[in-house]
Protein backbone atom coordinates (compact mmCIF):
# COMPACT_ATOMS: atom_id res chain seq x y z
CA MET A 1 67.83 144.50 96.92
CA LEU A 2 70.95 145.21 94.80
CA LYS A 3 69.18 148.49 93.47
CA ASP A 4 68.19 149.69 96.79
CA CYS A 5 71.59 149.39 98.16
CA VAL A 6 73.00 152.46 95.80
CA THR A 7 69.81 154.07 94.45
CA ASN A 8 69.96 156.90 97.29
CA ILE A 9 73.76 157.24 97.44
CA LYS A 10 74.49 159.65 94.61
CA ASP A 11 73.96 163.02 96.46
CA SER A 12 76.73 162.22 98.34
CA PHE A 13 79.01 161.77 95.82
CA GLU A 14 82.17 164.37 96.20
CA THR A 15 82.14 167.04 93.40
CA GLY A 16 85.15 167.26 90.97
CA VAL A 17 86.16 163.83 90.84
CA HIS A 18 84.92 160.52 88.90
CA THR A 19 83.36 158.35 90.96
CA GLU A 20 81.49 154.68 90.00
CA LEU A 21 79.42 153.04 93.00
CA ARG A 22 78.52 149.30 91.85
CA CYS A 23 76.29 146.71 93.78
CA GLN A 24 76.99 143.10 92.19
CA GLU A 25 75.90 139.54 92.40
CA ASN A 26 77.35 136.76 90.47
CA LYS A 27 75.52 133.20 90.63
CA ALA A 28 76.82 129.80 89.44
CA ARG A 29 74.85 126.56 89.31
CA SER A 30 77.08 123.56 87.82
CA VAL A 31 76.26 119.58 87.53
CA SER A 32 78.76 117.13 86.09
CA ILE A 33 77.94 113.26 85.29
CA ILE A 34 80.93 111.36 84.36
CA SER A 35 80.07 107.59 82.87
CA GLY A 36 76.58 107.63 84.90
CA ASN A 37 78.01 108.76 88.25
CA LEU A 38 77.30 112.33 89.64
CA THR A 39 80.60 113.80 90.41
CA GLY A 40 79.93 117.74 90.92
CA ASN A 41 76.71 119.57 92.21
CA ALA A 42 77.22 122.94 93.29
CA ARG A 43 75.27 126.55 93.77
CA SER A 44 77.22 129.41 94.66
CA GLU A 45 76.47 133.32 95.18
CA VAL A 46 78.65 136.02 95.71
CA SER A 47 77.65 139.49 96.16
CA GLY A 48 78.74 142.94 97.56
CA VAL A 49 79.46 146.66 96.65
CA SER A 50 82.45 148.61 95.48
CA ALA A 51 83.29 152.52 95.01
CA ARG A 52 85.97 153.86 92.90
CA VAL A 53 86.98 157.41 92.90
CA TYR A 54 89.29 158.97 90.25
CA LYS A 55 91.20 162.39 91.25
CA ASN A 56 93.97 164.03 89.53
CA GLY A 57 95.28 160.71 87.95
CA VAL A 58 94.71 158.44 90.64
CA TYR A 59 92.30 155.94 91.74
CA GLY A 60 91.08 155.11 95.18
CA PHE A 61 89.08 151.78 95.58
CA SER A 62 86.71 150.17 98.28
CA SER A 63 84.66 147.09 98.48
CA MET A 64 82.72 145.15 101.15
CA ALA A 65 81.07 141.73 101.00
CA GLU A 66 77.61 143.19 102.04
CA VAL A 67 74.65 144.51 100.24
CA SER A 68 73.34 147.42 102.17
CA GLU A 69 73.04 150.96 101.99
CA GLU A 70 75.35 151.53 104.78
CA ALA A 71 77.98 149.39 103.04
CA ALA A 72 77.47 151.28 100.07
CA LYS A 73 78.18 154.55 101.92
CA ASN A 74 81.37 152.97 103.96
CA VAL A 75 82.81 151.83 100.70
CA LEU A 76 82.07 155.45 99.09
CA ARG A 77 83.83 157.03 102.07
CA ALA A 78 86.73 154.76 101.92
CA ALA A 79 87.62 154.76 98.22
CA THR A 80 87.26 158.92 98.32
CA GLU A 81 89.54 158.83 101.53
CA ASN A 82 92.06 156.39 99.42
CA ALA A 83 91.85 158.51 96.31
CA VAL A 84 92.84 161.78 98.50
CA PHE A 85 95.47 159.88 100.12
CA MET A 86 96.99 158.49 97.02
CA ASP A 87 96.73 162.25 95.10
CA SER A 88 98.61 163.60 98.18
CA ARG A 89 101.49 160.99 97.66
CA ILE A 90 101.62 160.88 93.98
CA ASN A 91 100.61 164.31 92.85
CA LYS A 92 100.08 163.37 89.17
CA GLY A 93 97.99 166.48 88.80
CA LYS A 94 96.01 165.23 85.85
CA LYS A 95 92.79 166.80 84.75
CA MET A 96 89.18 165.10 85.19
CA PHE A 97 87.90 162.71 82.29
CA PRO A 98 85.74 164.49 79.21
CA ALA A 99 82.46 164.25 80.86
CA MET A 100 79.76 162.04 79.15
CA ALA A 101 76.10 162.40 78.01
CA PRO A 102 74.42 160.16 80.50
CA GLU A 103 71.90 157.37 79.63
CA ALA A 104 69.97 155.15 82.05
CA ILE A 105 70.56 151.56 81.32
CA THR A 106 67.79 149.05 81.96
CA CYS A 107 68.27 145.36 81.02
CA PRO A 108 65.60 143.04 80.57
CA ALA A 109 64.53 140.63 83.39
CA PHE A 110 65.59 137.07 83.83
CA GLU A 111 63.84 135.47 86.81
CA SER A 112 64.31 131.83 86.32
CA ASP A 113 66.48 130.10 88.60
CA PRO A 114 65.32 126.13 88.93
CA GLU A 115 66.57 123.82 91.73
CA GLN A 116 69.42 121.55 91.13
CA LYS A 117 67.32 118.43 90.53
CA VAL A 118 66.24 120.20 87.22
CA TYR A 119 69.99 120.10 86.03
CA ILE A 120 70.77 116.69 87.40
CA ASP A 121 67.69 115.15 85.62
CA PHE A 122 68.44 116.99 82.53
CA ALA A 123 71.85 115.47 82.41
CA ARG A 124 70.97 111.99 83.40
CA GLU A 125 68.82 111.80 80.67
CA LEU A 126 71.42 112.97 78.31
CA ASP A 127 73.85 110.36 79.54
CA ASP A 128 71.33 107.64 79.45
CA TYR A 129 70.92 108.33 76.01
CA MET A 130 74.74 108.38 75.30
CA GLU A 131 75.09 105.20 77.15
CA LYS A 132 72.56 103.30 75.04
CA ASN A 133 73.28 104.80 71.48
CA CYS A 134 77.15 105.48 71.40
CA LYS A 135 78.89 102.06 71.47
CA GLY A 136 82.49 101.64 71.19
CA ILE A 137 83.26 104.71 73.26
CA THR A 138 85.54 104.62 76.57
CA GLY A 139 84.06 107.37 78.38
CA ARG A 140 81.60 109.90 78.44
CA GLY A 141 80.71 113.29 80.49
CA ILE A 142 77.70 115.47 80.77
CA SER A 143 78.05 119.10 82.44
CA VAL A 144 75.51 121.65 83.18
CA ARG A 145 76.96 125.24 83.62
CA VAL A 146 75.07 128.26 84.57
CA ASP A 147 76.23 131.49 85.71
CA SER A 148 75.03 135.22 85.63
CA MET A 149 76.85 138.67 86.38
CA GLU A 150 74.06 141.17 87.75
CA LYS A 151 75.00 144.60 88.60
CA TYR A 152 73.53 148.14 89.35
CA LEU A 153 75.96 151.17 88.57
CA ILE A 154 75.76 154.58 89.78
CA THR A 155 78.14 157.42 88.26
CA ASN A 156 78.43 161.01 88.81
CA ASP A 157 79.79 162.09 84.97
CA ALA A 158 78.72 158.97 82.80
CA SER A 159 75.68 156.74 82.56
CA SER A 160 73.81 154.41 85.35
CA GLY A 161 71.66 151.73 85.44
CA HIS A 162 71.13 147.97 85.38
CA THR A 163 72.94 145.32 83.61
CA LEU A 164 72.40 141.47 83.55
CA ILE A 165 74.53 138.66 81.77
CA PRO A 166 73.51 135.09 82.04
CA ARG A 167 74.63 132.22 80.41
CA SER A 168 73.70 128.40 80.18
CA TYR A 169 75.54 125.90 78.58
CA ILE A 170 75.64 122.11 78.38
CA TYR A 171 78.90 120.13 77.50
CA LEU A 172 78.92 116.80 75.71
CA ARG A 173 82.18 114.85 76.12
CA MET A 174 83.20 111.48 74.75
CA THR A 175 86.24 109.36 74.47
CA ALA A 176 87.19 106.70 72.53
CA GLU A 177 90.60 104.59 71.28
CA THR A 178 92.32 104.65 67.56
CA PRO A 179 92.84 100.92 66.69
CA ASP A 180 96.53 101.24 68.32
CA GLY A 181 95.06 101.95 71.51
CA THR A 182 95.49 105.55 71.58
CA PRO A 183 92.83 107.80 73.51
CA VAL A 184 90.95 110.56 71.28
CA GLU A 185 88.25 112.93 72.65
CA ARG A 186 85.76 115.04 71.39
CA PHE A 187 83.42 117.64 73.05
CA VAL A 188 80.97 120.25 72.31
CA PRO A 189 79.41 123.12 74.14
CA ILE A 190 75.70 124.14 73.41
CA GLY A 191 73.55 126.84 74.74
CA GLY A 192 74.53 130.76 75.14
CA PHE A 193 73.03 133.99 76.20
CA GLY A 194 69.75 133.65 78.32
CA THR A 195 68.56 131.18 81.27
CA PHE A 196 68.28 127.49 81.37
CA ASP A 197 64.69 127.37 80.69
CA THR A 198 64.63 129.50 77.55
CA LEU A 199 67.53 127.55 76.11
CA PHE A 200 66.76 124.12 76.84
CA SER A 201 63.42 122.97 76.68
CA THR A 202 63.88 118.96 76.80
CA PRO A 203 66.70 116.56 76.63
CA ASP A 204 65.67 114.77 73.66
CA LYS A 205 65.91 118.27 71.50
CA LEU A 206 69.69 117.64 72.15
CA PHE A 207 70.10 113.85 70.97
CA ALA A 208 70.93 115.13 67.65
CA LYS A 209 73.86 116.73 68.84
CA VAL A 210 75.05 113.28 70.53
CA ASP A 211 74.33 111.89 67.40
CA ASP A 212 76.74 114.41 65.61
CA LEU A 213 79.59 114.02 68.29
CA TYR A 214 79.51 110.64 68.18
CA GLU A 215 79.85 110.22 64.56
CA LYS A 216 82.85 112.63 64.51
CA LEU A 217 84.42 110.86 67.55
CA MET A 218 84.16 107.79 65.48
CA GLN A 219 85.67 109.47 62.37
CA LYS A 220 88.64 110.90 64.59
CA ARG A 221 89.59 107.64 65.98
CA ASN A 222 90.39 106.33 62.41
CA GLY A 223 92.07 109.79 61.80
CA ILE A 224 95.89 110.42 60.74
CA TYR A 225 98.34 112.78 61.85
CA PRO A 226 98.88 116.10 59.51
CA GLU A 227 102.37 116.77 58.05
CA ALA A 228 104.30 119.18 59.97
CA GLY A 229 105.47 122.25 58.30
CA VAL A 230 104.00 125.30 56.65
CA LYS A 231 100.90 124.51 54.72
CA THR A 232 98.06 126.46 52.77
CA CYS A 233 95.37 125.79 55.30
CA ILE A 234 91.36 126.64 56.08
CA LEU A 235 90.82 127.77 59.75
CA GLY A 236 87.18 127.33 60.72
CA GLY A 237 85.23 130.13 62.77
CA GLU A 238 86.06 128.47 66.04
CA LEU A 239 90.07 128.67 65.33
CA SER A 240 89.61 132.25 63.45
CA GLY A 241 87.65 133.51 66.72
CA MET A 242 90.63 132.13 68.99
CA LEU A 243 92.87 133.93 66.96
CA ALA A 244 91.03 137.09 67.04
CA HIS A 245 90.85 136.94 70.76
CA GLU A 246 94.04 135.56 71.89
CA ALA A 247 96.61 136.42 69.60
CA VAL A 248 95.12 140.07 68.15
CA GLY A 249 92.81 141.18 70.70
CA HIS A 250 94.99 141.13 73.83
CA THR A 251 97.57 142.85 71.77
CA VAL A 252 95.14 145.90 71.25
CA GLU A 253 94.00 146.40 74.59
CA ALA A 254 95.22 149.74 75.76
CA ASP A 255 96.67 148.70 78.89
CA LEU A 256 98.76 145.86 77.24
CA VAL A 257 99.71 148.51 74.71
CA LEU A 258 101.28 150.73 77.55
CA GLY A 259 103.16 147.59 78.87
CA GLY A 260 104.83 147.33 75.20
CA SER A 261 102.77 144.72 73.25
CA VAL A 262 103.23 144.66 69.55
CA ALA A 263 100.23 147.11 68.87
CA ALA A 264 102.29 149.84 70.57
CA HIS A 265 104.07 150.34 67.21
CA THR A 266 101.80 149.19 64.45
CA LEU A 267 98.76 151.75 64.68
CA ASN A 268 97.75 153.07 61.49
CA LYS A 269 99.93 150.18 59.88
CA GLU A 270 99.17 147.03 57.92
CA VAL A 271 98.87 144.20 60.09
CA ALA A 272 96.82 141.62 57.76
CA SER A 273 95.59 141.00 54.35
CA GLU A 274 93.00 143.92 53.12
CA LEU A 275 90.40 140.89 53.37
CA VAL A 276 90.55 141.13 57.29
CA THR A 277 88.63 143.59 59.39
CA MET A 278 88.16 142.77 62.71
CA VAL A 279 85.87 144.33 65.48
CA ASP A 280 85.11 143.99 68.92
CA PHE A 281 81.06 143.71 69.08
CA ALA A 282 79.41 145.52 71.81
CA HIS A 283 75.96 143.76 71.62
CA THR A 284 74.84 143.47 68.10
CA CYS A 285 76.70 141.97 64.87
CA LEU A 286 75.60 142.46 61.37
CA GLY A 287 72.09 143.16 62.54
CA LYS A 288 71.58 140.11 65.04
CA PRO A 289 72.36 140.01 68.85
CA ALA A 290 75.94 139.20 69.73
CA PRO A 291 76.48 136.12 71.78
CA LEU A 292 77.26 137.91 74.93
CA PRO A 293 75.82 141.25 74.52
CA VAL A 294 77.24 144.16 77.01
CA TYR A 295 75.41 147.42 76.76
CA MET A 296 76.97 149.43 79.46
CA ASP A 297 80.75 149.20 81.00
CA ASP A 298 81.74 149.47 84.43
CA GLU A 299 82.86 152.97 84.33
CA GLY A 300 79.27 153.98 83.37
CA VAL A 301 80.28 154.25 79.24
CA ILE A 302 77.48 153.13 76.87
CA CYS A 303 78.66 150.51 74.77
CA ARG A 304 79.74 150.66 71.06
CA ASP A 305 81.42 148.56 68.59
CA GLN A 306 85.34 148.98 68.30
CA VAL A 307 86.87 148.52 64.86
CA LEU A 308 90.37 147.09 65.32
CA ILE A 309 91.63 146.43 61.76
CA LYS A 310 89.93 147.98 58.84
CA ASP A 311 90.74 146.24 55.50
CA GLY A 312 94.16 144.94 56.96
CA ILE A 313 95.01 148.48 58.54
CA LEU A 314 95.25 148.67 62.46
CA THR A 315 92.90 151.52 63.23
CA GLY A 316 92.22 151.22 67.04
CA TYR A 317 92.69 150.10 70.58
CA MET A 318 90.10 148.98 73.17
CA ASN A 319 90.39 151.68 75.87
CA ASN A 320 88.85 152.70 79.38
CA ARG A 321 88.18 156.16 80.01
CA GLU A 322 92.05 156.96 81.08
CA THR A 323 93.54 155.28 78.41
CA ALA A 324 91.17 156.76 75.60
CA ASP A 325 92.02 160.06 76.81
CA ARG A 326 95.41 159.42 76.74
CA PHE A 327 95.46 157.90 73.12
CA GLY A 328 93.02 160.71 72.02
CA MET A 329 90.33 157.75 71.24
CA GLU A 330 86.65 157.72 72.18
CA PRO A 331 86.13 155.03 74.83
CA CYS A 332 83.51 152.22 73.44
CA GLY A 333 82.84 150.22 76.78
CA ASN A 334 85.70 147.97 77.50
CA ALA A 335 86.19 148.27 80.94
CA ARG A 336 84.56 145.38 82.74
CA ALA A 337 84.96 143.96 86.21
CA TYR A 338 84.21 140.22 87.18
CA SER A 339 83.42 140.20 90.90
CA PHE A 340 82.13 143.24 93.33
CA SER A 341 85.66 143.08 94.64
CA ASP A 342 87.38 143.55 91.22
CA GLU A 343 88.35 147.05 89.64
CA PRO A 344 87.21 147.45 85.94
CA LEU A 345 89.85 146.31 83.64
CA ILE A 346 90.20 146.87 79.55
CA ARG A 347 88.72 143.63 78.26
CA MET A 348 87.18 142.11 75.24
CA ARG A 349 83.15 141.49 74.72
CA ASN A 350 82.40 139.82 71.20
CA THR A 351 85.83 140.10 69.07
CA ALA A 352 85.45 138.73 65.49
CA ILE A 353 86.82 139.07 61.96
CA LEU A 354 83.96 140.11 59.72
CA PRO A 355 82.90 137.50 57.01
CA GLY A 356 83.96 137.90 53.50
CA THR A 357 82.41 136.77 50.22
CA SER A 358 83.86 133.20 49.80
CA THR A 359 81.64 129.85 50.42
CA ILE A 360 83.19 127.31 52.30
CA GLU A 361 83.11 124.79 49.15
CA GLU A 362 84.92 127.25 46.89
CA MET A 363 87.73 127.51 49.97
CA ILE A 364 88.06 123.76 49.86
CA ALA A 365 88.18 123.38 46.30
CA SER A 366 90.58 126.12 45.89
CA VAL A 367 93.41 123.80 48.25
CA GLU A 368 95.61 121.18 46.32
CA ASP A 369 97.27 120.21 49.44
CA GLY A 370 96.46 121.40 52.94
CA TYR A 371 94.18 120.92 55.93
CA TYR A 372 90.76 122.20 57.16
CA PHE A 373 90.82 122.89 61.00
CA ILE A 374 87.83 123.28 62.57
CA ASP A 375 87.77 122.74 66.50
CA THR A 376 90.56 123.82 69.01
CA ASN A 377 90.67 122.80 72.61
CA ASN A 378 93.35 125.36 73.96
CA GLY A 379 95.28 128.22 72.59
CA GLN A 380 97.96 130.27 74.10
CA ALA A 381 99.63 133.93 72.89
CA ASP A 382 101.90 136.46 74.14
CA THR A 383 101.99 140.45 73.34
CA THR A 384 104.48 140.10 70.39
CA GLY A 385 101.29 138.15 68.79
CA GLU A 386 102.94 134.94 68.68
CA PHE A 387 100.41 131.96 69.25
CA MET A 388 100.04 128.61 69.57
CA PHE A 389 96.52 126.73 69.43
CA GLY A 390 95.70 122.87 70.00
CA VAL A 391 93.45 121.46 67.16
CA CYS A 392 90.90 118.75 68.09
CA MET A 393 89.22 118.37 64.79
CA GLY A 394 90.14 118.51 61.13
CA TYR A 395 89.96 116.91 57.79
CA GLU A 396 92.93 116.61 55.26
CA ILE A 397 92.39 118.29 51.78
CA LYS A 398 93.59 116.74 48.61
CA ASN A 399 93.07 118.06 45.27
CA GLY A 400 90.47 120.29 46.62
CA LYS A 401 88.45 117.50 48.33
CA LEU A 402 88.26 116.88 51.78
CA GLY A 403 89.93 113.56 53.05
CA ARG A 404 91.12 111.63 56.20
CA PRO A 405 90.17 113.23 59.47
CA LEU A 406 92.65 114.28 61.74
CA LEU A 407 94.08 113.71 65.09
CA ASP A 408 95.05 116.16 67.38
CA THR A 409 97.72 118.66 66.36
CA THR A 410 98.93 122.03 67.13
CA ILE A 411 99.30 125.15 64.89
CA SER A 412 101.60 128.63 65.22
CA GLY A 413 102.77 131.45 64.04
CA VAL A 414 102.52 135.32 64.68
CA ALA A 415 99.57 136.37 63.90
CA PHE A 416 100.41 139.99 62.11
CA GLU A 417 102.33 138.02 59.90
CA MET A 418 100.13 135.23 59.60
CA LEU A 419 97.04 137.22 58.69
CA LYS A 420 99.05 139.14 55.89
CA THR A 421 98.68 135.58 54.16
CA VAL A 422 95.02 135.33 54.16
CA ASP A 423 93.43 135.36 50.59
CA MET A 424 90.00 133.92 51.20
CA VAL A 425 87.36 134.24 53.90
CA SER A 426 84.15 132.74 54.20
CA ASP A 427 80.76 134.29 54.16
CA THR A 428 79.26 132.69 57.14
CA MET A 429 80.54 133.00 60.87
CA THR A 430 80.64 130.66 63.62
CA TRP A 431 80.37 132.20 67.61
CA SER A 432 81.33 130.64 70.63
CA ALA A 433 80.53 132.10 74.36
CA SER A 434 80.91 129.31 76.47
CA GLY A 435 84.54 129.99 78.19
CA TYR A 436 86.25 132.82 80.34
CA CYS A 437 89.32 134.90 79.28
CA GLY A 438 91.75 134.76 82.07
CA LYS A 439 93.40 138.26 82.06
CA LYS A 440 93.78 138.63 85.65
CA GLN A 441 90.39 138.34 86.57
CA PRO A 442 87.89 135.65 84.74
CA MET A 443 85.32 137.23 82.51
CA PRO A 444 82.93 135.77 79.93
CA VAL A 445 83.39 136.64 76.19
CA GLY A 446 82.35 135.76 72.86
CA ILE A 447 84.73 134.75 70.17
CA GLY A 448 83.82 134.10 66.81
CA GLY A 449 84.46 134.61 62.90
CA PRO A 450 84.10 133.12 59.31
CA ALA A 451 86.64 130.65 57.66
CA VAL A 452 89.81 132.16 56.63
CA ARG A 453 92.60 130.65 54.32
CA CYS A 454 96.06 131.29 55.07
CA LYS A 455 99.65 129.45 55.31
CA ILE A 456 100.42 128.39 58.81
CA THR A 457 102.74 126.36 60.64
CA ILE A 458 101.66 122.81 61.44
CA GLY A 459 103.11 120.82 64.51
CA GLY A 460 102.37 117.49 63.04
CA ARG A 461 102.36 114.83 65.71
């Protein structure tokens, strides 16, 4: 149905302008159970068609919440008229983008779409296991989240084709109290790229995950607060991934660079230790599938990896076709739109620091007095690279050995200064793709990385 909407329209594209015609459907399924009670049960499907036309430096855009060939013709006509009108008023007089060698992209088929009862029964069995086996907790929760973005894109001077990004996750959450009555919480997302039935067979396969979550919560309830101040610490892969995305990745998105981010003045300069190389991966990382593979963006650019930092030197930005032409760089497929009614923005795909050569055991043994921070529950950063992340799981390190678990704290710093203190990088990586990036429109992204040893400011209690 989606494909039929746009297949026969390309012949009506206007010559001499860049044109994108996109038909898209977003699906979402969710179930939530809190302490045995079904508190959420939802299904949604949003679909429509949009067109964007670039003429002499300006865009015309139009969308319609209807999937039909007639709707495709209407939005194409309106987008073209909008571009002509904007050009007549603004008169930028810019040239067309360089033409790209077109390819046809076809993604694998994912047909599975279970009814809600499948998700509810799965979650209830996990909840029952929690209730029977996790004594001493004060609260528990199970959430199932399944979503997908399916697109058919036709362009006149770049690639065209079919893309589909399905994700399926189960979130386990538990709360308890410290001896003095302070509430503590632990949660873990389980899942990844793919449909629910391909990632999850039966609930009992996840019982070990529940047991591990419970064990760590019981450790945490007897934890301590870290000392405030600057310390030598190890950031686990989830935190280094958050850093790569929030504190570095956004500063090197070309639209934010043009808006004055710190990266506008640091291209080809040292911004990190020579041990740090950072890449926004398209669909494959170190010979394995990236957690959220993206093969073609919404401007018809075939996706390639974009190296951001190479051996500590800032070497590139993430671009769309327009900013790539402006900066004299090659676009690598970073223009992504969340809904059919959204225009593509410069967005990350799978952003991570590359692994190094140290083992995590060697890194812990090298710290006399510091901390090993493992999990984060929130984070924020601005275009100066200044960041603050919440830490919800970690351990003290004393004389090269792990000590007591930690209660919640924060870490902060300026990314391009903190990264210069990195002196060890682990040889393994941790990936996560369970959340959304919130830059103007939500977007599923992957974040990840190795553990890194660095100096960082800790908020303490």
